[in-house]
C-alpha cells in the first residue's frame, strides 16, 4: 500500500523508523528534498546492496510525481524487499500541500 503526503508528513514529524529514498536526479534533490537518501532510479539496481540490511524494514520511495518511484517500488519488490511504499504524487503533491516545509 502506498502513502500520501499527509501520512508521510505525520510519520516524519513523529520521527518514525523507516527508510526514505529519493529516486530523482541529484540536481532535483539539490533543489528540494524531504531528507531521504538519494539513489537515482537508474542506480537502484546497482545500489540496492546498500539497502540489504534494511530489506525487511519499511522503505518509502519518492520522486517528482510518483512515476519513477513507482518503478523503483516495483524493482525493489521484485528483488525481495517486503515493505516498499510509494509517495503518491511525489514531491509535487508534497509541495502543493505543504510548500517547501520538510516537516
Protein backbone atom coordinates (compact mmCIF):
# COMPACT_ATOMS: atom_id res chain seq x y z
CA UNK A 1 0.00 0.00 0.00
CA UNK A 2 1.33 3.41 -0.96
CA UNK A 3 1.49 6.52 1.23
CA UNK A 4 0.04 10.02 0.95
CA UNK A 5 1.93 13.25 1.56
CA UNK A 6 -0.12 13.83 4.72
CA UNK A 7 0.71 10.39 6.12
CA UNK A 8 4.41 10.84 5.35
CA UNK A 9 4.50 14.28 6.97
CA UNK A 10 2.92 12.86 10.13
CA UNK A 11 5.38 9.98 10.22
CA UNK A 12 8.39 12.25 9.61
CA UNK A 13 7.20 14.62 12.35
CA UNK A 14 6.93 11.69 14.76
CA UNK A 15 10.46 10.51 13.83
CA UNK A 16 9.11 7.06 13.00
CA UNK A 17 11.58 4.39 11.94
CA UNK A 18 11.56 3.75 8.19
CA UNK A 19 13.90 4.17 5.23
CA UNK A 20 13.20 7.17 2.97
CA UNK A 21 14.67 7.07 -0.54
CA UNK A 22 14.64 9.82 -3.17
CA UNK A 23 14.93 8.30 -6.67
CA UNK A 24 15.23 11.61 -8.54
CA UNK A 25 18.38 13.01 -10.12
CA UNK A 26 21.00 14.85 -8.00
CA UNK A 27 20.03 18.27 -9.39
CA UNK A 28 16.39 17.69 -8.41
CA UNK A 29 17.48 16.57 -4.96
CA UNK A 30 19.60 19.71 -4.58
CA UNK A 31 16.62 21.94 -5.46
CA UNK A 32 14.34 20.38 -2.82
CA UNK A 33 14.24 17.12 -0.94
CA UNK A 34 12.49 15.53 2.00
CA UNK A 35 15.68 14.32 3.64
CA UNK A 36 15.68 10.90 2.01
CA UNK A 37 18.74 9.01 0.87
CA UNK A 38 19.48 9.84 -2.78
CA UNK A 39 19.52 6.78 -5.05
CA UNK A 40 18.53 7.87 -8.58
CA UNK A 41 16.19 5.43 -10.34
CA UNK A 42 18.90 4.50 -12.86
CA UNK A 43 21.13 3.39 -9.96
CA UNK A 44 18.57 1.46 -7.91
CA UNK A 45 19.53 -1.99 -9.22
CA UNK A 46 23.27 -1.46 -8.76
CA UNK A 47 23.00 0.39 -5.42
CA UNK A 48 20.38 -1.88 -3.88
CA UNK A 49 23.10 -3.66 -1.91
CA UNK A 50 23.40 -0.62 0.37
CA UNK A 51 19.82 -1.32 1.46
CA UNK A 52 20.33 -5.03 2.08
CA UNK A 53 20.46 -4.70 5.88
CA UNK A 54 17.12 -2.89 5.71
CA UNK A 55 15.46 -5.44 3.45
CA UNK A 56 12.62 -6.16 5.86
CA UNK A 57 12.14 -2.59 7.10
CA UNK A 58 9.54 -0.26 5.66
CA UNK A 59 11.02 1.60 2.70
CA UNK A 60 9.29 4.69 1.32
CA UNK A 61 10.39 5.87 -2.12
CA UNK A 62 9.60 9.21 -3.73
CA UNK A 63 10.30 11.23 -6.87
CA UNK A 64 8.84 14.30 -8.57
CA UNK A 65 5.38 12.92 -9.40
CA UNK A 66 5.29 9.31 -8.22
CA UNK A 67 6.11 7.70 -11.58
CA UNK A 68 9.82 6.94 -11.11
CA UNK A 69 9.31 5.96 -7.50
CA UNK A 70 6.56 3.60 -8.67
CA UNK A 71 9.13 1.92 -10.91
CA UNK A 72 11.64 1.83 -8.04
CA UNK A 73 8.99 0.21 -5.83
CA UNK A 74 8.44 -2.48 -8.48
CA UNK A 75 12.18 -3.12 -8.81
CA UNK A 76 12.70 -3.38 -5.05
CA UNK A 77 9.66 -5.62 -4.62
CA UNK A 78 10.90 -7.94 -7.38
CA UNK A 79 14.27 -8.08 -5.60
CA UNK A 80 12.63 -9.35 -2.41
CA UNK A 81 12.11 -6.15 -0.43
CA UNK A 82 9.00 -6.86 1.56
CA UNK A 83 7.54 -3.50 2.62
CA UNK A 84 8.03 -0.83 -0.06
CA UNK A 85 5.66 2.14 -0.37
CA UNK A 86 5.48 4.90 -2.98
CA UNK A 87 4.74 8.53 -2.09
CA UNK A 88 1.59 9.23 -4.11
CA UNK A 89 2.02 12.36 -6.23
CA UNK A 90 5.67 12.68 -5.18
CA UNK A 91 7.33 15.97 -4.32
CA UNK A 92 4.80 17.85 -6.45
CA UNK A 93 1.97 16.67 -4.19
CA UNK A 94 4.04 17.41 -1.06
CA UNK A 95 4.76 20.97 -2.22
CA UNK A 96 1.14 21.59 -3.24
CA UNK A 97 0.06 20.69 0.32
CA UNK A 98 2.98 21.96 2.41
CA UNK A 99 5.10 24.25 0.21
CA UNK A 100 8.77 23.88 1.00
CA UNK A 101 8.21 22.61 4.56
CA UNK A 102 10.04 19.37 5.14
CA UNK A 103 8.42 18.51 8.44
